[in-house]
Amino acid sequence: MIELVFFEVQNVQTPSEAFFLTMKERHGDRMLTMMIGLSEARAIVLEKNKLQPKRPSTHDLFSQLVQSIRLTPEDVEIRKYEDGIFFANINFHRENGESVVLDSRTSDAVVLALKWGIPMYIDENAFEKYLSEKILNDLSKDEKSEKFTSSDWKDDIRNDEYIIAKLQEMTDEELEELLQGAVECEDFEMASKIHEEMEKRKNL
């Protein structure tokens, strides 16, 4: 099994309520990206930034249920990749040592892993299958990628540099307020940039 860590949530570049969740292997450079819905993207960003919603979410409710029946979460395993879909399990144990395994949507499993602070793993064969399929899909998209010119990329880089510079000028209190606003507006890409700036300050 290969351990994964959360990397980022990004908006899909088309008008929709879909987002990209990207995870990275802990001891390597390979990435895994999957499409998730709005509610899961929001939940992941809230958990990653330790923000509390005004009312308990479905994941909060499930977490309370797990605690009430005395199950201890151990880890998340993405066990299979088939037809473009990841299949995950959440592993628990009871006080008597008995193991309990629950089938879960991968996006929900990621939210709960972040909430509980448990590790996430992927089966090596499933990871290799996903990466091989991704390479083939990327090759088939070469014609579409030609639509983007170097000036397009330079504009994107300049915009990012401007945003990062502005975030660096803000106080911690201003960043906290801006982060709340970005999450409420469902701009998770901006929320990720704000979170990165806040994390940099903690490490200084």
Protein backbone atom coordinates (compact mmCIF):
# COMPACT_ATOMS: atom_id res chain seq x y z
CA MET A 1 0.00 0.00 0.00
CA ILE A 2 1.17 3.54 -0.82
CA GLU A 3 0.41 6.35 1.62
CA LEU A 4 -1.30 9.42 0.20
CA VAL A 5 -1.59 12.96 1.57
CA PHE A 6 -4.00 15.73 0.62
CA PHE A 7 -2.58 18.16 -1.96
CA GLU A 8 -5.31 20.56 -3.16
CA VAL A 9 -8.88 21.14 -4.33
CA GLN A 10 -9.35 23.08 -7.57
CA ASN A 11 -12.33 24.38 -9.50
CA VAL A 12 -13.04 22.59 -12.77
CA GLN A 13 -12.53 25.00 -15.67
CA THR A 14 -16.11 24.68 -16.90
CA PRO A 15 -19.34 26.09 -15.44
CA SER A 16 -20.34 23.26 -13.12
CA GLU A 17 -20.47 22.19 -9.50
CA ALA A 18 -17.54 19.82 -10.01
CA PHE A 19 -14.08 20.11 -8.48
CA PHE A 20 -10.77 18.29 -8.73
CA LEU A 21 -9.34 16.68 -5.60
CA THR A 22 -5.62 15.97 -5.87
CA MET A 23 -3.63 13.78 -3.52
CA LYS A 24 0.09 13.03 -3.58
CA GLU A 25 2.07 10.03 -2.43
CA ARG A 26 3.78 10.90 0.84
CA HIS A 27 7.21 9.60 -0.15
CA GLY A 28 7.25 10.45 -3.85
CA ASP A 29 6.05 12.81 -6.56
CA ARG A 30 3.17 10.89 -8.14
CA MET A 31 -0.26 12.52 -8.02
CA LEU A 32 -3.81 11.20 -8.02
CA THR A 33 -6.66 13.43 -9.17
CA MET A 34 -10.38 12.68 -9.03
CA MET A 35 -13.52 14.70 -9.68
CA ILE A 36 -15.72 15.39 -6.66
CA GLY A 37 -18.92 17.31 -5.99
CA LEU A 38 -19.48 20.70 -4.39
CA SER A 39 -20.49 19.39 -0.96
CA GLU A 40 -17.43 17.11 -0.72
CA ALA A 41 -15.09 19.88 -1.91
CA ARG A 42 -16.53 22.25 0.69
CA ALA A 43 -16.20 19.64 3.44
CA ILE A 44 -12.56 18.91 2.53
CA VAL A 45 -11.60 22.59 2.53
CA LEU A 46 -13.35 23.11 5.88
CA GLU A 47 -11.53 20.14 7.43
CA LYS A 48 -8.15 21.06 5.97
CA ASN A 49 -8.43 24.60 7.35
CA LYS A 50 -10.05 23.51 10.64
CA LEU A 51 -13.14 25.65 10.06
CA GLN A 52 -16.40 24.83 11.79
CA PRO A 53 -19.69 25.11 9.84
CA LYS A 54 -22.62 26.79 11.59
CA ARG A 55 -24.52 23.48 11.72
CA PRO A 56 -23.21 19.88 11.81
CA SER A 57 -22.59 18.38 8.38
CA THR A 58 -23.37 14.81 7.33
CA HIS A 59 -19.73 13.92 8.02
CA ASP A 60 -19.97 15.48 11.50
CA LEU A 61 -23.09 13.40 12.17
CA PHE A 62 -21.39 10.19 11.02
CA SER A 63 -18.35 10.99 13.15
CA GLN A 64 -20.57 11.42 16.22
CA LEU A 65 -22.26 8.10 15.46
CA VAL A 66 -18.91 6.31 15.18
CA GLN A 67 -17.86 7.76 18.52
CA SER A 68 -21.15 6.80 20.20
CA ILE A 69 -20.82 3.12 19.22
CA ARG A 70 -17.15 3.09 20.31
CA LEU A 71 -15.51 2.44 16.95
CA THR A 72 -11.95 3.69 16.54
CA PRO A 73 -10.98 4.72 12.98
CA GLU A 74 -7.64 3.32 11.80
CA ASP A 75 -7.08 4.28 8.16
CA VAL A 76 -8.55 4.68 4.70
CA GLU A 77 -7.69 2.26 1.89
CA ILE A 78 -8.37 2.97 -1.77
CA ARG A 79 -8.49 -0.65 -2.78
CA LYS A 80 -9.52 -0.58 -6.45
CA TYR A 81 -9.68 1.60 -9.57
CA GLU A 82 -12.15 0.53 -12.23
CA ASP A 83 -13.90 2.34 -15.10
CA GLY A 84 -12.57 5.68 -13.88
CA ILE A 85 -13.88 5.16 -10.33
CA PHE A 86 -11.92 4.69 -7.09
CA PHE A 87 -13.30 2.29 -4.47
CA ALA A 88 -12.39 2.89 -0.83
CA ASN A 89 -12.75 1.28 2.58
CA ILE A 90 -12.59 2.89 6.01
CA ASN A 91 -11.07 0.54 8.58
CA PHE A 92 -12.08 0.62 12.26
CA HIS A 93 -11.55 -1.51 15.34
CA ARG A 94 -13.71 -2.12 18.41
CA GLU A 95 -12.54 -2.07 22.01
CA ASN A 96 -12.22 -5.88 21.94
CA GLY A 97 -9.88 -5.66 18.93
CA GLU A 98 -12.48 -6.76 16.36
CA SER A 99 -11.98 -5.19 12.93
CA VAL A 100 -14.79 -3.38 11.13
CA VAL A 101 -14.56 -2.41 7.45
CA LEU A 102 -17.00 0.01 5.79
CA ASP A 103 -17.29 0.55 2.04
CA SER A 104 -17.19 4.29 1.27
CA ARG A 105 -17.12 6.78 -1.55
CA THR A 106 -13.51 7.92 -1.80
CA SER A 107 -14.39 11.61 -1.45
CA ASP A 108 -16.26 10.93 1.81
CA ALA A 109 -13.40 8.77 3.05
CA VAL A 110 -10.94 11.64 2.44
CA VAL A 111 -13.14 14.08 4.38
CA LEU A 112 -13.31 11.68 7.34
CA ALA A 113 -9.59 10.90 7.19
CA LEU A 114 -8.85 14.63 7.48
CA LYS A 115 -11.42 14.98 10.30
CA TRP A 116 -10.00 12.07 12.30
CA GLY A 117 -6.33 12.57 11.39
CA ILE A 118 -5.91 9.01 10.09
CA PRO A 119 -3.64 7.94 7.20
CA MET A 120 -4.83 7.28 3.65
CA TYR A 121 -3.44 4.50 1.46
CA ILE A 122 -3.93 3.25 -2.09
CA ASP A 123 -3.29 -0.23 -3.41
CA GLU A 124 -0.19 -0.12 -5.61
CA ASN A 125 -1.87 -1.98 -8.48
CA ALA A 126 -4.82 0.44 -8.41
CA PHE A 127 -2.42 3.40 -8.41
CA GLU A 128 -0.45 2.02 -11.37
CA LYS A 129 -3.66 1.33 -13.29
CA TYR A 130 -4.86 4.90 -12.71
CA LEU A 131 -1.51 6.41 -13.75
CA SER A 132 -1.37 4.30 -16.93
CA GLU A 133 -4.90 5.35 -17.89
CA LYS A 134 -4.08 8.98 -17.14
CA ILE A 135 -1.06 8.91 -19.46
CA LEU A 136 -3.22 7.56 -22.30
CA ASN A 137 -5.90 10.20 -21.67
CA ASP A 138 -3.30 12.98 -21.59
CA LEU A 139 -1.87 11.84 -24.91
CA SER A 140 -5.34 11.89 -26.48
CA LYS A 141 -5.82 15.49 -25.34
CA ASP A 142 -2.70 16.83 -27.08
CA GLU A 143 -4.75 18.49 -29.83
CA LYS A 144 -6.85 20.39 -27.29
CA SER A 145 -3.79 21.58 -25.42
CA GLU A 146 -2.52 23.31 -28.58
CA LYS A 147 -5.27 25.90 -28.12
CA PHE A 148 -3.34 27.38 -25.19
CA THR A 149 -0.48 29.69 -26.17
CA SER A 150 2.56 30.62 -24.12
CA SER A 151 1.05 34.05 -23.52
CA ASP A 152 -1.97 32.36 -21.89
CA TRP A 153 0.31 30.61 -19.41
CA LYS A 154 2.27 33.81 -18.74
CA ASP A 155 -0.97 35.64 -17.95
CA ASP A 156 -1.94 32.89 -15.49
CA ILE A 157 1.47 33.06 -13.81
CA ARG A 158 1.29 36.86 -13.52
CA ASN A 159 -2.18 36.65 -11.96
CA ASP A 160 -1.01 34.08 -9.42
CA GLU A 161 2.04 36.15 -8.53
CA TYR A 162 -0.15 39.23 -7.99
CA ILE A 163 -2.55 37.31 -5.72
CA ILE A 164 0.30 35.81 -3.68
CA ALA A 165 1.91 39.25 -3.26
CA LYS A 166 -1.37 40.73 -2.03
CA LEU A 167 -1.88 37.88 0.44
CA GLN A 168 1.62 38.45 1.83
CA GLU A 169 0.70 42.07 2.58
CA MET A 170 -2.33 41.09 4.69
CA THR A 171 -2.41 40.63 8.46
CA ASP A 172 -3.24 37.26 10.02
CA GLU A 173 -6.70 38.57 10.96
CA GLU A 174 -7.36 39.72 7.39
CA LEU A 175 -6.31 36.33 6.02
CA GLU A 176 -8.66 34.53 8.44
CA GLU A 177 -11.57 36.73 7.33
CA LEU A 178 -10.70 36.30 3.65
CA LEU A 179 -10.48 32.51 4.07
CA GLN A 180 -13.95 32.40 5.58
CA GLY A 181 -15.29 34.46 2.68
CA ALA A 182 -13.57 32.27 0.06
CA VAL A 183 -15.10 29.13 1.55
CA GLU A 184 -18.56 30.69 1.78
CA CYS A 185 -18.28 31.77 -1.88
CA GLU A 186 -17.07 28.25 -2.78
CA ASP A 187 -13.83 29.60 -4.28
CA PHE A 188 -11.74 26.68 -3.04
CA GLU A 189 -8.77 27.51 -5.26
CA MET A 190 -8.44 30.90 -3.55
CA ALA A 191 -8.99 29.25 -0.16
CA SER A 192 -6.04 26.95 -0.90
CA LYS A 193 -3.78 29.92 -1.72
CA ILE A 194 -4.80 31.67 1.52
CA HIS A 195 -4.19 28.47 3.49
CA GLU A 196 -0.70 28.14 1.96
CA GLU A 197 0.19 31.68 3.03
CA MET A 198 -1.09 31.03 6.58
CA GLU A 199 0.93 27.80 6.80
CA LYS A 200 4.10 29.59 5.63
CA ARG A 201 3.73 32.10 8.47
CA LYS A 202 3.34 29.32 11.04
CA ASN A 203 6.65 27.81 9.92
CA LEU A 204 8.62 31.06 10.18
